[in-house]
Protein backbone atom coordinates (compact mmCIF):
# COMPACT_ATOMS: atom_id res chain seq x y z
CA MET A 1 129.64 91.56 79.28
CA THR A 2 128.85 94.07 81.99
CA ARG A 3 129.47 94.89 85.59
CA ARG A 4 125.79 94.47 86.27
CA ASN A 5 124.21 91.21 87.29
CA ARG A 6 124.01 88.95 84.20
CA ARG A 7 123.75 85.50 85.63
CA TRP A 8 122.30 82.74 83.49
CA GLY A 9 118.79 83.24 84.82
CA MET A 10 116.38 85.10 82.56
CA ALA A 11 112.93 86.56 82.78
CA MET A 12 110.48 83.66 82.52
CA ALA A 13 107.88 85.70 80.67
CA VAL A 14 110.37 86.62 77.94
CA THR A 15 111.53 83.02 77.61
CA ALA A 16 107.99 81.72 77.36
CA LEU A 17 107.11 84.27 74.70
CA ALA A 18 110.24 83.50 72.65
CA THR A 19 109.63 79.77 72.86
CA ALA A 20 106.06 80.19 71.69
CA LEU A 21 107.07 82.42 68.79
CA THR A 22 109.73 80.04 67.51
CA ALA A 23 107.93 76.77 68.17
CA GLY A 24 107.56 74.82 64.98
CA LEU A 25 109.84 77.16 63.00
CA ALA A 26 113.25 75.62 63.71
CA THR A 27 114.69 73.08 61.33
CA PRO A 28 113.74 69.62 62.68
CA THR A 29 116.47 68.38 65.00
CA ALA A 30 118.21 65.09 64.42
CA ASP A 31 117.93 62.24 66.87
CA ALA A 32 121.35 61.23 68.15
CA ALA A 33 122.99 59.41 71.03
CA PRO A 34 124.74 61.61 73.63
CA VAL A 35 128.34 62.42 72.74
CA ALA A 36 129.48 63.92 76.06
CA ALA A 37 131.39 61.47 78.26
CA GLY A 38 130.78 63.64 81.32
CA ASN A 39 130.19 67.23 82.38
CA GLY A 40 132.54 70.06 81.58
CA THR A 41 134.95 70.87 84.41
CA ILE A 42 137.29 73.73 85.22
CA VAL A 43 140.91 73.36 84.09
CA ALA A 44 142.29 76.73 85.21
CA ARG A 45 141.40 80.33 85.91
CA LEU A 46 142.70 82.46 83.05
CA THR A 47 142.18 86.00 84.37
CA GLY A 48 142.29 87.98 87.57
CA PRO A 49 143.74 87.30 91.03
CA GLY A 50 145.06 83.76 91.43
CA SER A 51 144.99 83.03 87.71
CA ILE A 52 147.74 81.26 85.78
CA ASN A 53 148.41 84.41 83.71
CA ASP A 54 149.04 87.32 86.12
CA THR A 55 146.68 89.44 84.04
CA ILE A 56 146.81 92.17 86.69
CA GLY A 57 150.54 92.74 86.40
CA ARG A 58 150.97 91.96 82.70
CA TYR A 59 147.83 93.49 81.19
CA ASN A 60 146.17 95.61 83.93
CA ILE A 61 143.14 93.31 83.90
CA VAL A 62 141.62 92.75 87.34
CA GLY A 63 138.33 91.29 86.12
CA THR A 64 136.67 90.59 82.78
CA ASP A 65 134.44 88.14 80.92
CA LEU A 66 133.79 86.33 77.62
CA GLY A 67 137.09 85.35 76.01
CA VAL A 68 135.83 84.98 72.43
CA LEU A 69 138.37 82.73 70.68
CA TRP A 70 139.51 82.37 67.07
CA ASP A 71 142.60 81.28 65.14
CA ASN A 72 144.33 84.22 63.46
CA GLY A 73 145.67 81.98 60.69
CA HIS A 74 149.29 82.45 61.77
CA GLY A 75 149.69 80.04 64.66
CA GLU A 76 148.07 82.24 67.28
CA ILE A 77 144.77 82.37 69.14
CA MET A 78 143.01 85.69 69.56
CA ALA A 79 140.94 86.14 72.72
CA ALA A 80 138.56 89.12 72.85
CA PHE A 81 137.05 90.04 76.21
CA GLY A 82 134.04 92.10 77.24
CA ASP A 83 133.75 94.82 79.88
CA THR A 84 137.10 94.83 81.66
CA GLN A 85 137.95 96.29 85.05
CA SER A 86 141.16 97.73 86.43
CA PHE A 87 142.12 100.18 89.16
CA ASN A 88 143.60 103.57 88.34
CA GLY A 89 142.27 105.81 91.11
CA TRP A 90 140.49 108.20 88.75
CA SER A 91 137.34 106.10 88.86
CA LEU A 92 136.95 107.05 92.52
CA LEU A 93 136.14 110.58 91.38
CA TYR A 94 133.07 109.13 89.66
CA GLY A 95 132.02 107.07 92.67
CA GLU A 96 133.25 103.71 91.35
CA LEU A 97 136.05 101.54 92.69
CA TRP A 98 136.93 100.11 89.29
CA TYR A 99 137.81 101.73 86.01
CA TRP A 100 135.93 99.99 83.19
CA ARG A 101 136.98 99.66 79.56
CA SER A 102 134.63 98.02 77.13
CA ASN A 103 136.78 95.49 75.25
CA VAL A 104 140.34 94.17 75.23
CA LEU A 105 142.32 91.53 73.35
CA LEU A 106 144.93 88.98 74.45
CA ARG A 107 146.83 86.45 72.34
CA SER A 108 147.99 82.88 72.98
CA ARG A 109 150.31 80.36 71.31
CA ASP A 110 149.74 77.70 73.97
CA ARG A 111 148.79 74.33 72.46
CA ASN A 112 148.99 72.32 75.69
CA LEU A 113 145.53 73.05 77.03
CA ALA A 114 145.47 70.24 79.58
CA ASP A 115 146.90 72.61 82.20
CA GLY A 116 145.20 75.79 81.00
CA MET A 117 145.78 78.46 78.35
CA THR A 118 148.64 80.89 78.85
CA PHE A 119 148.61 84.28 77.15
CA THR A 120 151.68 85.40 75.24
CA GLY A 121 150.74 88.87 74.07
CA HIS A 122 148.12 91.59 73.95
CA ALA A 123 146.84 94.59 72.03
CA GLY A 124 148.15 97.73 73.65
CA PRO A 125 151.28 99.22 75.19
CA PRO A 126 153.49 97.19 77.58
CA GLY A 127 151.63 96.31 80.77
CA HIS A 128 148.19 97.43 79.58
CA ALA A 129 145.60 95.74 77.35
CA LYS A 130 143.98 98.75 75.74
CA ARG A 131 140.36 99.34 74.87
CA LEU A 132 139.82 98.31 71.24
CA LEU A 133 136.61 100.19 70.40
CA LYS A 134 135.35 103.19 72.34
CA PRO A 135 131.60 103.45 72.95
CA ASN A 136 129.68 106.65 72.38
CA LEU A 137 128.27 107.08 75.88
CA ARG A 138 125.50 109.35 74.63
CA ARG A 139 124.04 106.44 72.64
CA GLU A 140 125.41 103.24 74.18
CA ILE A 141 126.84 102.05 77.46
CA THR A 142 129.35 99.62 76.02
CA ILE A 143 130.52 97.78 72.89
CA ILE A 144 130.96 94.03 73.36
CA PRO A 145 132.69 91.49 71.07
CA THR A 146 130.61 88.40 70.32
CA ALA A 147 132.62 86.56 67.63
CA GLY A 148 135.87 86.67 65.67
CA VAL A 149 137.27 85.20 62.45
CA ALA A 150 140.34 85.53 60.22
CA ALA A 151 139.45 86.28 56.58
CA ASN A 152 141.07 88.04 53.60
CA GLY A 153 144.31 88.44 55.53
CA LYS A 154 142.49 90.49 58.19
CA GLN A 155 141.02 89.85 61.61
CA TYR A 156 137.31 90.53 62.06
CA MET A 157 135.17 90.90 65.17
CA ASN A 158 131.41 90.98 65.39
CA VAL A 159 130.42 93.43 68.12
CA MET A 160 127.18 94.61 69.67
CA SER A 161 126.28 98.09 70.88
CA VAL A 162 124.50 97.70 74.22
CA LYS A 163 121.85 100.31 74.94
CA HIS A 164 120.55 99.00 78.24
CA TRP A 165 121.09 96.10 80.65
CA GLY A 166 117.77 94.68 81.79
CA GLN A 167 116.90 91.78 84.05
CA PRO A 168 119.42 88.93 84.34
CA GLY A 169 119.80 87.37 80.89
CA VAL A 170 118.06 90.28 79.14
CA TRP A 171 119.76 93.22 77.45
CA TYR A 172 118.94 95.57 74.60
CA THR A 173 121.17 96.57 71.69
CA ASN A 174 121.24 99.46 69.24
CA TRP A 175 122.98 97.43 66.53
CA SER A 176 125.53 94.77 65.80
CA GLY A 177 128.43 95.46 63.49
CA LEU A 178 131.75 94.41 62.07
CA ALA A 179 135.20 95.68 63.03
CA ALA A 180 138.40 94.87 61.15
CA SER A 181 142.10 94.83 61.96
CA THR A 182 145.02 94.67 59.53
CA ASP A 183 147.74 94.48 62.20
CA ASN A 184 146.85 91.29 64.08
CA GLY A 185 144.35 92.92 66.40
CA GLN A 186 146.46 95.84 67.58
CA ASN A 187 144.13 98.43 66.07
CA TRP A 188 140.52 98.13 64.92
CA ARG A 189 138.21 100.15 62.72
CA ALA A 190 134.48 99.90 62.27
CA VAL A 191 133.37 98.50 58.90
CA ASN A 192 130.25 99.88 57.22
CA ALA A 193 128.36 96.66 57.91
CA PHE A 194 125.90 97.52 60.67
CA ARG A 195 122.73 95.62 61.53
CA PRO A 196 120.23 97.89 63.31
CA ASN A 197 118.18 96.07 65.93
CA GLY A 198 115.00 95.76 63.91
CA GLY A 199 113.37 93.59 61.26
CA GLY A 200 115.40 90.61 60.13
CA ASN A 201 118.63 92.13 61.44
CA ALA A 202 117.28 91.74 64.97
CA LYS A 203 118.02 88.03 64.53
CA PHE A 204 121.75 88.79 64.21
CA GLN A 205 122.52 91.06 67.17
CA MET A 206 125.02 88.51 68.49
CA ALA A 207 127.04 86.12 66.38
CA ALA A 208 129.15 82.99 66.20
CA TYR A 209 131.47 82.48 63.23
CA LEU A 210 132.35 79.24 61.46
CA LYS A 211 134.73 79.28 58.49
CA VAL A 212 134.57 76.35 56.06
CA GLY A 213 136.96 76.78 53.14
CA HIS A 214 136.36 80.31 51.89
CA THR A 215 132.82 80.50 53.26
CA VAL A 216 132.09 82.31 56.51
CA TYR A 217 128.93 81.17 58.30
CA THR A 218 127.33 83.57 60.79
CA TYR A 219 125.06 82.10 63.45
CA GLY A 220 122.90 84.90 64.76
CA THR A 221 120.89 85.39 67.92
CA SER A 222 118.91 88.30 69.24
CA ASP A 223 120.05 90.51 72.09
CA GLY A 224 119.88 88.65 75.39
CA ARG A 225 119.47 84.94 76.00
CA TRP A 226 115.91 84.32 74.88
CA GLY A 227 115.93 83.91 71.08
CA ALA A 228 116.48 81.15 68.55
CA VAL A 229 119.55 80.77 66.29
CA TYR A 230 119.58 81.86 62.63
CA LEU A 231 122.18 81.33 59.92
CA ALA A 232 123.79 83.43 57.18
CA ARG A 233 126.75 82.76 54.90
CA VAL A 234 129.05 84.74 52.65
CA ASP A 235 132.28 84.27 50.71
CA GLU A 236 135.10 85.63 52.86
CA ARG A 237 135.95 88.16 50.12
CA ASP A 238 132.53 89.75 50.68
CA ILE A 239 132.37 89.61 54.46
CA GLU A 240 132.18 93.41 54.67
CA HIS A 241 129.21 93.62 52.25
CA LEU A 242 125.92 92.73 53.91
CA GLY A 243 124.09 92.80 50.58
CA LYS A 244 125.96 89.67 49.50
CA TYR A 245 125.01 87.53 52.49
CA GLU A 246 122.65 84.59 52.01
CA TYR A 247 120.21 83.47 54.71
CA PHE A 248 119.06 79.94 55.46
CA SER A 249 115.30 79.89 55.04
CA TYR A 250 113.21 76.72 55.23
CA GLY A 251 116.01 74.62 53.77
CA ARG A 252 117.16 77.01 51.03
CA TRP A 253 119.44 80.04 50.78
CA VAL A 254 117.96 83.49 50.15
CA ARG A 255 120.21 86.38 49.24
CA ASN A 256 120.16 89.81 50.88
CA ASN A 257 117.02 89.20 52.94
CA PRO A 258 117.59 88.67 56.68
CA ASP A 259 113.82 88.75 57.17
CA SER A 260 113.66 85.36 55.44
CA ALA A 261 115.95 83.58 57.94
CA THR A 262 114.31 80.76 59.90
CA PRO A 263 115.73 79.12 63.05
CA VAL A 264 118.36 76.38 62.77
CA MET A 265 118.51 75.92 66.56
CA GLY A 266 115.69 76.51 69.01
CA SER A 267 115.18 79.07 71.74
CA PRO A 268 116.23 80.11 74.24
CA THR A 269 119.90 80.33 73.24
CA GLY A 270 122.42 82.88 74.47
CA GLU A 271 126.13 83.24 73.78
CA LEU A 272 127.08 80.64 71.15
CA SER A 273 130.17 79.13 69.55
CA VAL A 274 130.42 76.65 66.65
CA ALA A 275 133.33 74.52 65.38
CA TRP A 276 134.23 71.41 63.41
CA ASN A 277 135.23 68.49 65.64
CA ASP A 278 137.62 65.93 64.10
CA TYR A 279 137.06 63.36 66.83
CA LEU A 280 133.30 63.14 66.27
CA GLY A 281 133.47 63.98 62.58
CA LYS A 282 130.69 66.52 63.14
CA TYR A 283 130.09 70.18 63.68
CA ILE A 284 129.51 71.05 67.31
CA SER A 285 128.03 74.04 69.09
CA LEU A 286 128.04 75.20 72.69
CA GLY A 287 125.42 77.68 73.83
CA THR A 288 124.17 79.33 77.00
CA LYS A 289 120.72 78.32 78.20
CA ASP A 290 118.87 78.69 81.48
CA SER A 291 119.59 74.99 82.09
CA GLY A 292 123.34 75.51 81.63
CA VAL A 293 125.66 74.91 78.68
CA VAL A 294 124.11 72.86 75.88
CA LEU A 295 126.11 70.83 73.34
CA ARG A 296 124.61 70.22 69.90
CA THR A 297 125.99 68.35 66.87
CA ALA A 298 125.25 68.34 63.13
CA ASP A 299 126.62 66.86 59.92
CA ASN A 300 126.34 70.18 58.08
CA PRO A 301 126.73 73.80 59.20
CA TRP A 302 123.01 74.35 58.63
CA GLY A 303 122.01 71.17 60.44
CA PRO A 304 119.79 69.55 61.24
CA TRP A 305 121.20 70.18 64.71
CA THR A 306 120.46 67.84 67.59
CA SER A 307 118.18 69.14 70.31
CA GLY A 308 121.21 69.17 72.59
CA GLU A 309 122.47 67.81 75.88
CA VAL A 310 123.36 69.78 79.00
CA VAL A 311 127.11 69.45 79.56
CA VAL A 312 127.60 72.12 82.23
CA PRO A 313 124.60 72.26 84.56
CA ALA A 314 123.34 75.67 85.60
CA ASN A 315 125.11 76.95 88.73
CA ASN A 316 127.82 74.29 88.60
CA PRO A 317 129.98 76.36 88.52
CA TYR A 318 127.71 79.04 89.94
CA SER A 319 126.74 81.97 87.67
CA GLY A 320 128.51 80.65 84.56
CA TYR A 321 127.80 81.74 80.98
CA ALA A 322 129.35 82.23 77.49
CA PRO A 323 131.11 78.99 76.38
CA PHE A 324 133.54 79.73 73.53
CA ILE A 325 135.21 76.72 71.92
CA HIS A 326 139.00 76.75 71.66
CA PRO A 327 139.87 76.19 67.97
CA TRP A 328 142.85 73.98 68.88
CA SER A 329 140.85 71.41 70.83
CA LYS A 330 142.06 67.96 69.79
CA GLY A 331 141.14 64.34 70.44
CA ASN A 332 138.26 63.45 72.70
CA ASN A 333 138.38 66.72 74.68
CA VAL A 334 136.77 70.02 73.82
CA TYR A 335 138.26 73.03 75.60
CA PHE A 336 136.35 76.27 75.95
CA THR A 337 136.44 79.54 77.83
CA TYR A 338 133.67 80.09 80.34
CA SER A 339 132.78 83.23 82.26
CA ILE A 340 131.75 83.12 85.91
CA TYR A 341 129.99 86.22 87.12
CA THR A 342 130.76 85.61 90.80
CA GLY A 343 134.25 87.10 90.90
CA TYR A 344 133.87 88.23 87.27
CA GLN A 345 136.60 86.08 85.69
CA VAL A 346 137.18 83.77 82.73
CA TYR A 347 138.11 80.10 83.09
CA LEU A 348 139.22 77.34 80.72
CA MET A 349 136.93 74.31 80.80
CA ARG A 350 137.34 70.76 79.48
CA LEU A 351 134.52 68.63 78.10
CA PRO A 352 135.25 64.91 77.44
CA LEU A 353 133.62 63.35 74.38
CA ARG A 354 132.77 59.84 73.27
CA ARG A 355 131.86 58.48 69.90
CA PRO A 356 128.38 56.91 69.80
CA GLU A 357 128.51 53.14 69.35
């Protein structure tokens, strides 16, 4: 997300306040037996020096993070990354070793994830993954992708405008918004669907997408890693029209009123991804917490979600965050991208599952 220190740790005062504010508001969690057969482990490094992809030579990516994953609907995985570093010499004039661009996109057709995920294309000219959306440096320091989904024959990204990086695990946004691409992610334009960071829209400054049939579910969290998780839904035809979204509120759906949204997962939760898992026959989520990566399950997109089990302990690997589920995970293994701040690279992880007896 940024070149500044954003390890999993967060300000304890902020966490305590968020927990107190959301206590008793979240939908009651379901009791369930653990479904992880062990901790998540590294399969391969996907970016940077020593990776399986030569991202330096092929895409001019020396370091990056996130790796938000979604299926483009045409046999290809889209992977959107956050602040990305390369070396071009000009940055030295500004007193920095690395040149930073705010967001890039790679593509993959690799279905054999047991040995890693290889990239097969990118957005940009040959040899360079270009910046997708340019920040206005007078108002924001970067624009970061947080989720992606294919809908209406287009590709969509949810992005956040970062105003300020605070303490580790804390940052502040101006807004979150929607960007669309009609050429498989090569070019992007902002859609007039912005959520200013205030009121009910503050609950949706970061997102995770889940598409079920023609319905797109948006799981929202506040800026940083301290808030609870909220839920909205919309028919994919109306994804660009915020006035047509419905919000899950105390077990019912309320239209065009983000203020009404109540938590479906508790705080603190950071970067989140949600998917259907055929092996378990349940929806699963992976989220960043101060304790590490937490796995939750539910029978319905709105829950009730289990309270969760830690599947990647904090600091093992050290300074990890942002687990994004690979949509092509099959069988009793869930694969996901995972960012490690030390070295500032993205890895593919594997989490073994077991069906409760």
